[in-house]
Amino acid sequence: MDEDFVNNIFKKFNQEDSSISRKYGGTGLGMAITKELIFLMDGKIEVTSKKNVGTTTTITLTLNKGNKELQEKATQEQQNISIEGLNILLVEDNELNQLVAEHTLKHFKCNITKAENGRIALQILSKKSFDIILMDIQMPELDGIEATKILRQELGIKTPIIALTANAFKTEIENCINVGMNDYITKPFVEENLVSIIYKHTKMKKKSSSDTFAMEETLYDLKSIQTLSRGDEIFIKKMLTIFIIQTEQAIPLIEKAFNEKNYIEIAKLIHKIKPSVEGVGIHSIKEEMKLLETKAKEQNGEIDELYALFEKIKHTLNMIIIQLKQEFT
């Protein structure tokens, strides 16, 4: 390439000959990504070139000397990693990436649920809980960043979310972390990285089923029911069955009241399920239920504002119902 163009090769979507762009479309992210990766490793890259002669690229990195014992230890640790049985939501619109991730994770005996975009993911998460979410960044309808904002800020979901991105730019990674994602994986996937990052954020989930309540303590706490039961498991099961039935009946009625903009009915139905919700020890939505009942009773606030509160309540209740059914039925 021309010597004058060397200084431009690290700019995104830049080409020496504009006629190439017209024919083939935008390219040129490769060198920008390369420079960013080297920068993240505290290195530098230099390019010299003479047109029709050749190009020399020099990359300088300061790295620690390899340690054979550490490498062997890391290999052994990798072999000991188990993600078997994890329930994973894969949010990815690219069919090829879906296939690769699903094939890899099924090999490790994970249970995979797929969503093509963030909006579908939100619908799935309103009915089912997962151990971890793998979230693509760029998707149609609702992208990974916006979906994560809703999950964290509006629905209060604390499930680990791992960004799936083709770009390793520092700014994009920081953006992912800032909206509430826990980590990131670059595409195309490398099996070892995919598995180790999933394990890193879910290893506490590998406890025995006897630890279920401890893991979900932010959602519900059965201590009061257990004390009231005096050790009677049948009593506990009946109490939880009543809670599940009442809640499953109430949710569509509340939805109907919202559709009709019937504030009084909304307040009445929320008030009706409050005792059973408190009895099951669901503290995470206590304030939302109180606020929704008060605002609906006073007809204070836009219907969309109240429905946003209900969405969080509904999502939490649906998650808990699924968990209770798995544990007690």
C-alpha atoms as a PDB file:
ATOM      1  CA  MET A   1       0.000   0.000   0.000  1.00  0.00           C
ATOM      2  CA  ASP A   2       0.992   3.621  -0.381  1.00  0.00           C
ATOM      3  CA  GLU A   3       3.166   4.986   2.445  1.00  0.00           C
ATOM      4  CA  ASP A   4       0.762   7.897   2.958  1.00  0.00           C
ATOM      5  CA  PHE A   5      -2.087   5.478   3.662  1.00  0.00           C
ATOM      6  CA  VAL A   6      -0.265   3.601   6.444  1.00  0.00           C
ATOM      7  CA  ASN A   7      -1.417   6.126   9.063  1.00  0.00           C
ATOM      8  CA  ASN A   8      -5.058   5.463   8.127  1.00  0.00           C
ATOM      9  CA  ILE A   9      -5.184   1.677   8.265  1.00  0.00           C
ATOM     10  CA  PHE A  10      -6.205   1.593  11.929  1.00  0.00           C
ATOM     11  CA  LYS A  11      -9.281   3.722  11.307  1.00  0.00           C
ATOM     12  CA  LYS A  12     -12.559   1.803  11.177  1.00  0.00           C
ATOM     13  CA  PHE A  13     -14.013   1.083   7.720  1.00  0.00           C
ATOM     14  CA  ASN A  14     -11.186   2.778   5.859  1.00  0.00           C
ATOM     15  CA  GLN A  15      -9.901   1.663   2.439  1.00  0.00           C
ATOM     16  CA  GLU A  16      -7.113   2.967   0.250  1.00  0.00           C
ATOM     17  CA  ASP A  17      -9.119   2.747  -2.976  1.00  0.00           C
ATOM     18  CA  SER A  18     -12.674   4.123  -2.738  1.00  0.00           C
ATOM     19  CA  SER A  19     -13.708   2.052  -5.779  1.00  0.00           C
ATOM     20  CA  ILE A  20     -13.209  -1.079  -3.667  1.00  0.00           C
ATOM     21  CA  SER A  21     -15.714   0.212  -1.119  1.00  0.00           C
ATOM     22  CA  ARG A  22     -18.309   0.787  -3.817  1.00  0.00           C
ATOM     23  CA  LYS A  23     -17.851  -2.714  -5.141  1.00  0.00           C
ATOM     24  CA  TYR A  24     -17.436  -4.735  -1.956  1.00  0.00           C
ATOM     25  CA  GLY A  25     -18.960  -2.552   0.781  1.00  0.00           C
ATOM     26  CA  GLY A  26     -17.397  -1.534   4.080  1.00  0.00           C
ATOM     27  CA  THR A  27     -14.516  -3.538   5.492  1.00  0.00           C
ATOM     28  CA  GLY A  28     -11.455  -2.666   7.486  1.00  0.00           C
ATOM     29  CA  LEU A  29     -12.427  -3.474  11.086  1.00  0.00           C
ATOM     30  CA  GLY A  30      -9.655  -6.055  11.371  1.00  0.00           C
ATOM     31  CA  MET A  31      -6.760  -3.652  11.881  1.00  0.00           C
ATOM     32  CA  ALA A  32      -8.768  -1.475  14.274  1.00  0.00           C
ATOM     33  CA  ILE A  33      -9.600  -4.539  16.382  1.00  0.00           C
ATOM     34  CA  THR A  34      -5.980  -5.709  16.246  1.00  0.00           C
ATOM     35  CA  LYS A  35      -4.709  -2.363  17.506  1.00  0.00           C
ATOM     36  CA  GLU A  36      -7.299  -2.333  20.302  1.00  0.00           C
ATOM     37  CA  LEU A  37      -6.334  -5.846  21.447  1.00  0.00           C
ATOM     38  CA  ILE A  38      -2.648  -4.955  21.478  1.00  0.00           C
ATOM     39  CA  PHE A  39      -3.439  -1.752  23.385  1.00  0.00           C
ATOM     40  CA  LEU A  40      -5.355  -3.779  25.996  1.00  0.00           C
ATOM     41  CA  MET A  41      -2.213  -5.902  26.449  1.00  0.00           C
ATOM     42  CA  ASP A  42      -0.061  -2.769  26.920  1.00  0.00           C
ATOM     43  CA  GLY A  43       1.734  -3.384  23.643  1.00  0.00           C
ATOM     44  CA  LYS A  44       2.308  -1.488  20.424  1.00  0.00           C
ATOM     45  CA  ILE A  45       2.040  -2.129  16.691  1.00  0.00           C
ATOM     46  CA  GLU A  46       4.057  -0.497  13.907  1.00  0.00           C
ATOM     47  CA  VAL A  47       3.484  -0.799  10.161  1.00  0.00           C
ATOM     48  CA  THR A  48       5.812   0.200   7.325  1.00  0.00           C
ATOM     49  CA  SER A  49       4.886  -0.279   3.692  1.00  0.00           C
ATOM     50  CA  LYS A  50       6.020   0.427   0.160  1.00  0.00           C
ATOM     51  CA  LYS A  51       3.504   0.097  -2.640  1.00  0.00           C
ATOM     52  CA  ASN A  52       4.006  -2.918  -4.938  1.00  0.00           C
ATOM     53  CA  VAL A  53       6.945  -4.030  -2.766  1.00  0.00           C
ATOM     54  CA  GLY A  54       5.583  -5.206   0.567  1.00  0.00           C
ATOM     55  CA  THR A  55       4.460  -4.420   4.100  1.00  0.00           C
ATOM     56  CA  THR A  56       6.194  -5.064   7.427  1.00  0.00           C
ATOM     57  CA  THR A  57       4.140  -5.253  10.616  1.00  0.00           C
ATOM     58  CA  THR A  58       5.908  -5.277  13.996  1.00  0.00           C
ATOM     59  CA  ILE A  59       4.036  -6.095  17.210  1.00  0.00           C
ATOM     60  CA  THR A  60       5.744  -5.594  20.568  1.00  0.00           C
ATOM     61  CA  LEU A  61       4.310  -7.198  23.717  1.00  0.00           C
ATOM     62  CA  THR A  62       5.774  -7.565  27.194  1.00  0.00           C
ATOM     63  CA  LEU A  63       4.769 -10.998  28.488  1.00  0.00           C
ATOM     64  CA  ASN A  64       5.703 -13.058  31.504  1.00  0.00           C
ATOM     65  CA  LYS A  65       7.834 -16.128  30.947  1.00  0.00           C
ATOM     66  CA  GLY A  66       5.774 -19.279  30.625  1.00  0.00           C
ATOM     67  CA  ASN A  67       5.546 -21.683  33.554  1.00  0.00           C
ATOM     68  CA  LYS A  68       5.103 -25.348  32.691  1.00  0.00           C
ATOM     69  CA  GLU A  69       3.776 -26.241  36.150  1.00  0.00           C
ATOM     70  CA  LEU A  70       1.150 -23.506  35.999  1.00  0.00           C
ATOM     71  CA  GLN A  71       0.129 -24.629  32.522  1.00  0.00           C
ATOM     72  CA  GLU A  72      -0.298 -28.209  33.715  1.00  0.00           C
ATOM     73  CA  LYS A  73      -2.276 -26.989  36.735  1.00  0.00           C
ATOM     74  CA  ALA A  74      -4.530 -24.887  34.500  1.00  0.00           C
ATOM     75  CA  THR A  75      -5.123 -27.869  32.225  1.00  0.00           C
ATOM     76  CA  GLN A  76      -6.026 -30.014  35.222  1.00  0.00           C
ATOM     77  CA  GLU A  77      -8.417 -27.348  36.535  1.00  0.00           C
ATOM     78  CA  GLN A  78     -10.042 -27.129  33.108  1.00  0.00           C
ATOM     79  CA  GLN A  79     -10.641 -30.877  33.179  1.00  0.00           C
ATOM     80  CA  ASN A  80     -12.274 -30.578  36.610  1.00  0.00           C
ATOM     81  CA  ILE A  81     -14.751 -27.908  35.460  1.00  0.00           C
ATOM     82  CA  SER A  82     -18.344 -29.122  35.255  1.00  0.00           C
ATOM     83  CA  ILE A  83     -21.316 -27.145  33.958  1.00  0.00           C
ATOM     84  CA  GLU A  84     -23.531 -30.210  33.615  1.00  0.00           C
ATOM     85  CA  GLY A  85     -27.228 -29.630  34.247  1.00  0.00           C
ATOM     86  CA  LEU A  86     -27.129 -25.831  34.019  1.00  0.00           C
ATOM     87  CA  ASN A  87     -30.171 -24.119  32.499  1.00  0.00           C
ATOM     88  CA  ILE A  88     -28.835 -21.592  29.991  1.00  0.00           C
ATOM     89  CA  LEU A  89     -30.729 -18.982  27.981  1.00  0.00           C
ATOM     90  CA  LEU A  90     -28.926 -18.310  24.686  1.00  0.00           C
ATOM     91  CA  VAL A  91     -29.996 -14.983  23.163  1.00  0.00           C
ATOM     92  CA  GLU A  92     -28.473 -14.872  19.673  1.00  0.00           C
ATOM     93  CA  ASP A  93     -29.965 -13.956  16.284  1.00  0.00           C
ATOM     94  CA  ASN A  94     -27.250 -15.533  14.121  1.00  0.00           C
ATOM     95  CA  GLU A  95     -28.168 -19.144  13.315  1.00  0.00           C
ATOM     96  CA  LEU A  96     -24.552 -20.218  12.853  1.00  0.00           C
ATOM     97  CA  ASN A  97     -23.522 -18.808  16.238  1.00  0.00           C
ATOM     98  CA  GLN A  98     -26.606 -20.414  17.785  1.00  0.00           C
ATOM     99  CA  LEU A  99     -25.646 -23.785  16.342  1.00  0.00           C
ATOM    100  CA  VAL A 100     -22.029 -23.602  17.540  1.00  0.00           C
ATOM    101  CA  ALA A 101     -22.926 -22.516  21.074  1.00  0.00           C
ATOM    102  CA  GLU A 102     -25.782 -25.001  21.396  1.00  0.00           C
ATOM    103  CA  HIS A 103     -23.693 -27.901  20.077  1.00  0.00           C
ATOM    104  CA  THR A 104     -20.837 -27.082  22.475  1.00  0.00           C
ATOM    105  CA  LEU A 105     -23.022 -26.638  25.552  1.00  0.00           C
ATOM    106  CA  LYS A 106     -25.112 -29.745  24.887  1.00  0.00           C
ATOM    107  CA  HIS A 107     -21.849 -31.693  24.758  1.00  0.00           C
ATOM    108  CA  PHE A 108     -21.329 -30.540  28.365  1.00  0.00           C
ATOM    109  CA  LYS A 109     -24.904 -31.669  29.184  1.00  0.00           C
ATOM    110  CA  CYS A 110     -26.417 -28.206  29.638  1.00  0.00           C
ATOM    111  CA  ASN A 111     -30.091 -27.448  29.030  1.00  0.00           C
ATOM    112  CA  ILE A 112     -30.394 -24.779  26.333  1.00  0.00           C
ATOM    113  CA  THR A 113     -33.294 -22.435  25.593  1.00  0.00           C
ATOM    114  CA  LYS A 114     -32.883 -20.146  22.567  1.00  0.00           C
ATOM    115  CA  ALA A 115     -34.184 -16.644  21.844  1.00  0.00           C
ATOM    116  CA  GLU A 116     -33.615 -14.757  18.581  1.00  0.00           C
ATOM    117  CA  ASN A 117     -33.659 -11.284  20.140  1.00  0.00           C
ATOM    118  CA  GLY A 118     -33.966  -9.394  23.412  1.00  0.00           C
ATOM    119  CA  ARG A 119     -37.741  -9.047  23.229  1.00  0.00           C
ATOM    120  CA  ILE A 120     -38.258 -12.802  22.959  1.00  0.00           C
ATOM    121  CA  ALA A 121     -35.763 -13.272  25.794  1.00  0.00           C
ATOM    122  CA  LEU A 122     -37.836 -11.004  28.073  1.00  0.00           C
ATOM    123  CA  GLN A 123     -40.958 -13.030  27.274  1.00  0.00           C
ATOM    124  CA  ILE A 124     -39.174 -16.278  28.141  1.00  0.00           C
ATOM    125  CA  LEU A 125     -37.710 -14.833  31.345  1.00  0.00           C
ATOM    126  CA  SER A 126     -41.174 -13.761  32.511  1.00  0.00           C
ATOM    127  CA  LYS A 127     -42.095 -17.450  32.710  1.00  0.00           C
ATOM    128  CA  LYS A 128     -38.866 -19.276  33.499  1.00  0.00           C
ATOM    129  CA  SER A 129     -35.648 -18.724  35.446  1.00  0.00           C
ATOM    130  CA  PHE A 130     -32.137 -19.680  34.318  1.00  0.00           C
ATOM    131  CA  ASP A 131     -28.711 -20.202  35.844  1.00  0.00           C
ATOM    132  CA  ILE A 132     -27.054 -17.893  33.313  1.00  0.00           C
ATOM    133  CA  ILE A 133     -27.913 -15.812  30.236  1.00  0.00           C
ATOM    134  CA  LEU A 134     -25.672 -15.571  27.157  1.00  0.00           C
ATOM    135  CA  MET A 135     -26.670 -12.291  25.479  1.00  0.00           C
ATOM    136  CA  ASP A 136     -25.644 -11.150  22.002  1.00  0.00           C
ATOM    137  CA  ILE A 137     -25.052  -7.394  21.794  1.00  0.00           C
ATOM    138  CA  GLN A 138     -26.339  -6.579  18.310  1.00  0.00           C
ATOM    139  CA  MET A 139     -29.802  -7.992  17.560  1.00  0.00           C
ATOM    140  CA  PRO A 140     -32.956  -6.784  15.782  1.00  0.00           C
ATOM    141  CA  GLU A 141     -36.017  -5.430  17.660  1.00  0.00           C
ATOM    142  CA  LEU A 142     -34.292  -5.247  21.062  1.00  0.00           C
ATOM    143  CA  ASP A 143     -30.510  -5.484  21.372  1.00  0.00           C
ATOM    144  CA  GLY A 144     -28.521  -6.990  24.228  1.00  0.00           C
ATOM    145  CA  ILE A 145     -27.695  -3.675  25.896  1.00  0.00           C
ATOM    146  CA  GLU A 146     -31.322  -2.516  26.087  1.00  0.00           C
ATOM    147  CA  ALA A 147     -32.558  -5.967  27.126  1.00  0.00           C
ATOM    148  CA  THR A 148     -30.016  -6.046  29.960  1.00  0.00           C
ATOM    149  CA  LYS A 149     -31.093  -2.581  31.136  1.00  0.00           C
ATOM    150  CA  ILE A 150     -34.689  -3.810  31.412  1.00  0.00           C
ATOM    151  CA  LEU A 151     -33.667  -7.009  33.196  1.00  0.00           C
ATOM    152  CA  ARG A 152     -31.500  -5.203  35.738  1.00  0.00           C
ATOM    153  CA  GLN A 153     -33.270  -1.867  36.262  1.00  0.00           C
ATOM    154  CA  GLU A 154     -36.952  -2.666  35.714  1.00  0.00           C
ATOM    155  CA  LEU A 155     -37.301  -6.363  36.529  1.00  0.00           C
ATOM    156  CA  GLY A 156     -34.540  -6.622  39.127  1.00  0.00           C
ATOM    157  CA  ILE A 157     -33.246  -9.925  37.714  1.00  0.00           C
ATOM    158  CA  LYS A 158     -29.843 -10.818  39.147  1.00  0.00           C
ATOM    159  CA  THR A 159     -29.080 -13.823  36.913  1.00  0.00           C
ATOM    160  CA  PRO A 160     -25.512 -13.600  35.509  1.00  0.00           C
ATOM    161  CA  ILE A 161     -25.531 -12.129  31.986  1.00  0.00           C
ATOM    162  CA  ILE A 162     -22.579 -12.759  29.674  1.00  0.00           C
ATOM    163  CA  ALA A 163     -22.191 -10.528  26.614  1.00  0.00           C
ATOM    164  CA  LEU A 164     -21.542 -12.206  23.269  1.00  0.00           C
ATOM    165  CA  THR A 165     -19.656  -9.806  21.021  1.00  0.00           C
ATOM    166  CA  ALA A 166     -17.583  -9.875  17.859  1.00  0.00           C
ATOM    167  CA  ASN A 167     -15.858  -6.666  18.974  1.00  0.00           C
ATOM    168  CA  ALA A 168     -13.249  -6.572  21.721  1.00  0.00           C
ATOM    169  CA  PHE A 169     -13.193  -2.785  21.829  1.00  0.00           C
ATOM    170  CA  LYS A 170     -12.598  -1.459  25.316  1.00  0.00           C
ATOM    171  CA  THR A 171     -15.488   1.013  25.038  1.00  0.00           C
ATOM    172  CA  GLU A 172     -17.994  -1.702  24.120  1.00  0.00           C
ATOM    173  CA  ILE A 173     -16.828  -3.980  26.928  1.00  0.00           C
ATOM    174  CA  GLU A 174     -17.131  -1.113  29.417  1.00  0.00           C
ATOM    175  CA  ASN A 175     -20.623  -0.367  28.116  1.00  0.00           C
ATOM    176  CA  CYS A 176     -21.643  -3.993  28.682  1.00  0.00           C
ATOM    177  CA  ILE A 177     -20.369  -3.938  32.262  1.00  0.00           C
ATOM    178  CA  ASN A 178     -21.948  -0.540  32.973  1.00  0.00           C
ATOM    179  CA  VAL A 179     -25.459  -1.723  32.066  1.00  0.00           C
ATOM    180  CA  GLY A 180     -25.160  -4.726  34.363  1.00  0.00           C
ATOM    181  CA  MET A 181     -23.560  -7.542  32.389  1.00  0.00           C
ATOM    182  CA  ASN A 182     -21.150  -9.700  34.373  1.00  0.00           C
ATOM    183  CA  ASP A 183     -18.607 -10.657  31.716  1.00  0.00           C
ATOM    184  CA  TYR A 184     -18.113 -11.059  27.973  1.00  0.00           C
ATOM    185  CA  ILE A 185     -17.143 -13.711  25.427  1.00  0.00           C
ATOM    186  CA  THR A 186     -15.788 -12.825  21.996  1.00  0.00           C
ATOM    187  CA  LYS A 187     -17.064 -14.501  18.839  1.00  0.00           C
ATOM    188  CA  PRO A 188     -16.272 -16.831  17.196  1.00  0.00           C
ATOM    189  CA  PHE A 189     -16.489 -18.949  20.350  1.00  0.00           C
ATOM    190  CA  VAL A 190     -13.497 -20.770  21.780  1.00  0.00           C
ATOM    191  CA  GLU A 191     -14.799 -23.789  23.684  1.00  0.00           C
ATOM    192  CA  GLU A 192     -12.443 -23.457  26.668  1.00  0.00           C
ATOM    193  CA  ASN A 193     -13.307 -19.772  27.140  1.00  0.00           C
ATOM    194  CA  LEU A 194     -17.038 -20.349  26.791  1.00  0.00           C
ATOM    195  CA  VAL A 195     -17.092 -23.156  29.346  1.00  0.00           C
ATOM    196  CA  SER A 196     -14.724 -21.528  31.849  1.00  0.00           C
ATOM    197  CA  ILE A 197     -16.612 -18.206  31.882  1.00  0.00           C
ATOM    198  CA  ILE A 198     -19.947 -19.975  32.358  1.00  0.00           C
ATOM    199  CA  TYR A 199     -18.422 -22.013  35.190  1.00  0.00           C
ATOM    200  CA  LYS A 200     -16.892 -18.901  36.769  1.00  0.00           C
ATOM    201  CA  HIS A 201     -20.300 -17.246  37.119  1.00  0.00           C
ATOM    202  CA  THR A 202     -22.356 -20.329  38.025  1.00  0.00           C
ATOM    203  CA  LYS A 203     -20.144 -22.485  40.255  1.00  0.00           C
ATOM    204  CA  MET A 204     -22.219 -21.512  43.326  1.00  0.00           C
ATOM    205  CA  LYS A 205     -25.219 -23.048  41.548  1.00  0.00           C
ATOM    206  CA  LYS A 206     -23.586 -26.480  41.643  1.00  0.00           C
ATOM    207  CA  LYS A 207     -24.599 -26.994  45.261  1.00  0.00           C
ATOM    208  CA  SER A 208     -26.922 -29.844  46.180  1.00  0.00           C
ATOM    209  CA  SER A 209     -30.693 -29.430  46.025  1.00  0.00           C
ATOM    210  CA  SER A 210     -30.786 -29.061  49.813  1.00  0.00           C
ATOM    211  CA  ASP A 211     -29.257 -25.605  49.299  1.00  0.00           C
ATOM    212  CA  THR A 212     -32.077 -24.413  47.036  1.00  0.00           C
ATOM    213  CA  PHE A 213     -33.615 -22.047  49.568  1.00  0.00           C
ATOM    214  CA  ALA A 214     -30.233 -20.541  50.454  1.00  0.00           C
ATOM    215  CA  MET A 215     -29.506 -19.834  46.800  1.00  0.00           C
ATOM    216  CA  GLU A 216     -32.883 -18.196  46.276  1.00  0.00           C
ATOM    217  CA  GLU A 217     -33.061 -16.290  49.556  1.00  0.00           C
ATOM    218  CA  THR A 218     -33.424 -12.992  47.712  1.00  0.00           C
ATOM    219  CA  LEU A 219     -36.672 -14.266  46.160  1.00  0.00           C
ATOM    220  CA  TYR A 220     -38.440 -16.118  48.969  1.00  0.00           C
ATOM    221  CA  ASP A 221     -37.978 -17.421  52.492  1.00  0.00           C
ATOM    222  CA  LEU A 222     -40.079 -20.304  53.863  1.00  0.00           C
ATOM    223  CA  LYS A 223     -38.961 -19.923  57.481  1.00  0.00           C
ATOM    224  CA  SER A 224     -42.321 -18.614  58.723  1.00  0.00           C
ATOM    225  CA  ILE A 225     -44.239 -21.433  57.020  1.00  0.00           C
ATOM    226  CA  GLN A 226     -41.764 -24.007  58.320  1.00  0.00           C
ATOM    227  CA  THR A 227     -42.160 -22.658  61.866  1.00  0.00           C
ATOM    228  CA  LEU A 228     -45.953 -22.655  61.552  1.00  0.00           C
ATOM    229  CA  SER A 229     -45.955 -26.225  60.205  1.00  0.00           C
ATOM    230  CA  ARG A 230     -44.102 -27.659  63.232  1.00  0.00           C
ATOM    231  CA  GLY A 231     -42.303 -30.003  60.866  1.00  0.00           C
ATOM    232  CA  ASP A 232     -45.429 -31.158  59.002  1.00  0.00           C
ATOM    233  CA  GLU A 233     -44.342 -31.469  55.345  1.00  0.00           C
ATOM    234  CA  ILE A 234     -47.923 -32.103  54.166  1.00  0.00           C
ATOM    235  CA  PHE A 235     -49.015 -28.791  55.710  1.00  0.00           C
ATOM    236  CA  ILE A 236     -46.171 -26.955  53.943  1.00  0.00           C
ATOM    237  CA  LYS A 237     -47.099 -28.541  50.621  1.00  0.00           C
ATOM    238  CA  LYS A 238     -50.773 -27.563  51.048  1.00  0.00           C
ATOM    239  CA  MET A 239     -49.857 -23.980  51.912  1.00  0.00           C
ATOM    240  CA  LEU A 240     -47.631 -23.661  48.855  1.00  0.00           C
ATOM    241  CA  THR A 241     -50.235 -25.302  46.610  1.00  0.00           C
ATOM    242  CA  ILE A 242     -52.835 -22.749  47.736  1.00  0.00           C
ATOM    243  CA  PHE A 243     -50.355 -19.929  47.110  1.00  0.00           C
ATOM    244  CA  ILE A 244     -49.590 -21.215  43.601  1.00  0.00           C
ATOM    245  CA  ILE A 245     -53.272 -21.669  42.667  1.00  0.00           C
ATOM    246  CA  GLN A 246     -54.325 -18.267  44.023  1.00  0.00           C
ATOM    247  CA  THR A 247     -51.438 -16.490  42.325  1.00  0.00           C
ATOM    248  CA  GLU A 248     -51.923 -18.217  38.961  1.00  0.00           C
ATOM    249  CA  GLN A 249     -55.609 -17.245  39.070  1.00  0.00           C
ATOM    250  CA  ALA A 250     -54.906 -13.657  40.126  1.00  0.00           C
ATOM    251  CA  ILE A 251     -52.267 -12.737  37.520  1.00  0.00           C
ATOM    252  CA  PRO A 252     -54.578 -12.926  34.444  1.00  0.00           C
ATOM    253  CA  LEU A 253     -57.316 -11.080  36.375  1.00  0.00           C
ATOM    254  CA  ILE A 254     -54.871  -8.267  37.143  1.00  0.00           C
ATOM    255  CA  GLU A 255     -53.831  -8.224  33.467  1.00  0.00           C
ATOM    256  CA  LYS A 256     -57.521  -7.899  32.522  1.00  0.00           C
ATOM    257  CA  ALA A 257     -57.987  -5.027  34.988  1.00  0.00           C
ATOM    258  CA  PHE A 258     -55.005  -3.232  33.440  1.00  0.00           C
ATOM    259  CA  ASN A 259     -56.434  -3.683  29.938  1.00  0.00           C
ATOM    260  CA  GLU A 260     -59.694  -2.138  31.163  1.00  0.00           C
ATOM    261  CA  LYS A 261     -57.815   0.580  33.099  1.00  0.00           C
ATOM    262  CA  ASN A 262     -59.792  -0.452  36.176  1.00  0.00           C
ATOM    263  CA  TYR A 263     -57.689   1.059  38.987  1.00  0.00           C
ATOM    264  CA  ILE A 264     -60.043  -0.072  41.766  1.00  0.00           C
ATOM    265  CA  GLU A 265     -59.961  -3.696  40.623  1.00  0.00           C
ATOM    266  CA  ILE A 266     -56.153  -3.620  40.343  1.00  0.00           C
ATOM    267  CA  ALA A 267     -55.852  -2.382  43.936  1.00  0.00           C
ATOM    268  CA  LYS A 268     -58.384  -4.964  45.135  1.00  0.00           C
ATOM    269  CA  LEU A 269     -56.618  -7.914  43.478  1.00  0.00           C
ATOM    270  CA  ILE A 270     -53.138  -6.862  44.648  1.00  0.00           C
ATOM    271  CA  HIS A 271     -54.484  -6.481  48.194  1.00  0.00           C
ATOM    272  CA  LYS A 272     -56.036  -9.950  47.971  1.00  0.00           C
ATOM    273  CA  ILE A 273     -52.783 -11.770  47.133  1.00  0.00           C
ATOM    274  CA  LYS A 274     -50.575  -9.768  49.512  1.00  0.00           C
ATOM    275  CA  PRO A 275     -51.089 -12.045  52.578  1.00  0.00           C
ATOM    276  CA  SER A 276     -50.105 -15.216  50.697  1.00  0.00           C
ATOM    277  CA  VAL A 277     -47.119 -13.463  49.092  1.00  0.00           C
ATOM    278  CA  GLU A 278     -45.932 -12.300  52.509  1.00  0.00           C
ATOM    279  CA  GLY A 279     -46.615 -15.755  53.955  1.00  0.00           C
ATOM    280  CA  VAL A 280     -44.245 -17.343  51.455  1.00  0.00           C
ATOM    281  CA  GLY A 281     -41.644 -14.768  52.463  1.00  0.00           C
ATOM    282  CA  ILE A 282     -41.355 -12.989  49.122  1.00  0.00           C
ATOM    283  CA  HIS A 283     -39.609  -9.836  50.289  1.00  0.00           C
ATOM    284  CA  SER A 284     -38.089  -8.724  46.978  1.00  0.00           C
ATOM    285  CA  ILE A 285     -41.389  -7.290  45.656  1.00  0.00           C
ATOM    286  CA  LYS A 286     -42.916  -6.165  48.952  1.00  0.00           C
ATOM    287  CA  GLU A 287     -42.369  -2.457  48.275  1.00  0.00           C
ATOM    288  CA  GLU A 288     -43.559  -2.729  44.661  1.00  0.00           C
ATOM    289  CA  MET A 289     -46.817  -4.396  45.735  1.00  0.00           C
ATOM    290  CA  LYS A 290     -47.426  -1.792  48.418  1.00  0.00           C
ATOM    291  CA  LEU A 291     -46.727   1.053  45.976  1.00  0.00           C
ATOM    292  CA  LEU A 292     -48.897  -0.465  43.236  1.00  0.00           C
ATOM    293  CA  GLU A 293     -51.843  -0.971  45.585  1.00  0.00           C
ATOM    294  CA  THR A 294     -51.574   2.592  46.937  1.00  0.00           C
ATOM    295  CA  LYS A 295     -51.229   4.244  43.518  1.00  0.00           C
ATOM    296  CA  ALA A 296     -54.064   2.171  42.031  1.00  0.00           C
ATOM    297  CA  LYS A 297     -56.359   2.900  44.980  1.00  0.00           C
ATOM    298  CA  GLU A 298     -55.662   6.632  44.689  1.00  0.00           C
ATOM    299  CA  GLN A 299     -55.646   6.443  40.861  1.00  0.00           C
ATOM    300  CA  ASN A 300     -52.299   8.196  41.082  1.00  0.00           C
ATOM    301  CA  GLY A 301     -50.072   7.728  38.038  1.00  0.00           C
ATOM    302  CA  GLU A 302     -50.274   6.719  34.392  1.00  0.00           C
ATOM    303  CA  ILE A 303     -51.486   3.196  33.666  1.00  0.00           C
ATOM    304  CA  ASP A 304     -48.170   2.395  31.901  1.00  0.00           C
ATOM    305  CA  GLU A 305     -46.230   3.450  34.994  1.00  0.00           C
ATOM    306  CA  LEU A 306     -48.329   1.144  37.186  1.00  0.00           C
ATOM    307  CA  TYR A 307     -48.030  -1.693  34.684  1.00  0.00           C
ATOM    308  CA  ALA A 308     -44.224  -1.453  34.849  1.00  0.00           C
ATOM    309  CA  LEU A 309     -44.504  -2.145  38.595  1.00  0.00           C
ATOM    310  CA  PHE A 310     -46.826  -5.070  37.901  1.00  0.00           C
ATOM    311  CA  GLU A 311     -44.430  -6.499  35.303  1.00  0.00           C
ATOM    312  CA  LYS A 312     -41.707  -6.857  37.941  1.00  0.00           C
ATOM    313  CA  ILE A 313     -44.178  -8.368  40.427  1.00  0.00           C
ATOM    314  CA  LYS A 314     -45.507 -10.804  37.821  1.00  0.00           C
ATOM    315  CA  HIS A 315     -42.041 -11.849  36.689  1.00  0.00           C
ATOM    316  CA  THR A 316     -40.893 -12.549  40.257  1.00  0.00           C
ATOM    317  CA  LEU A 317     -44.051 -14.495  41.108  1.00  0.00           C
ATOM    318  CA  ASN A 318     -43.773 -16.606  37.942  1.00  0.00           C
ATOM    319  CA  MET A 319     -40.140 -17.442  38.724  1.00  0.00           C
ATOM    320  CA  ILE A 320     -41.010 -18.470  42.287  1.00  0.00           C
ATOM    321  CA  ILE A 321     -43.972 -20.585  41.167  1.00  0.00           C
ATOM    322  CA  ILE A 322     -41.688 -22.500  38.794  1.00  0.00           C
ATOM    323  CA  GLN A 323     -39.145 -23.077  41.567  1.00  0.00           C
ATOM    324  CA  LEU A 324     -41.783 -24.188  44.085  1.00  0.00           C
ATOM    325  CA  LYS A 325     -43.343 -26.605  41.597  1.00  0.00           C
ATOM    326  CA  GLN A 326     -39.936 -28.138  40.916  1.00  0.00           C
ATOM    327  CA  GLU A 327     -39.234 -28.495  44.631  1.00  0.00           C
ATOM    328  CA  PHE A 328     -42.595 -29.684  45.963  1.00  0.00           C
ATOM    329  CA  THR A 329     -44.456 -31.430  43.123  1.00  0.00           C
END
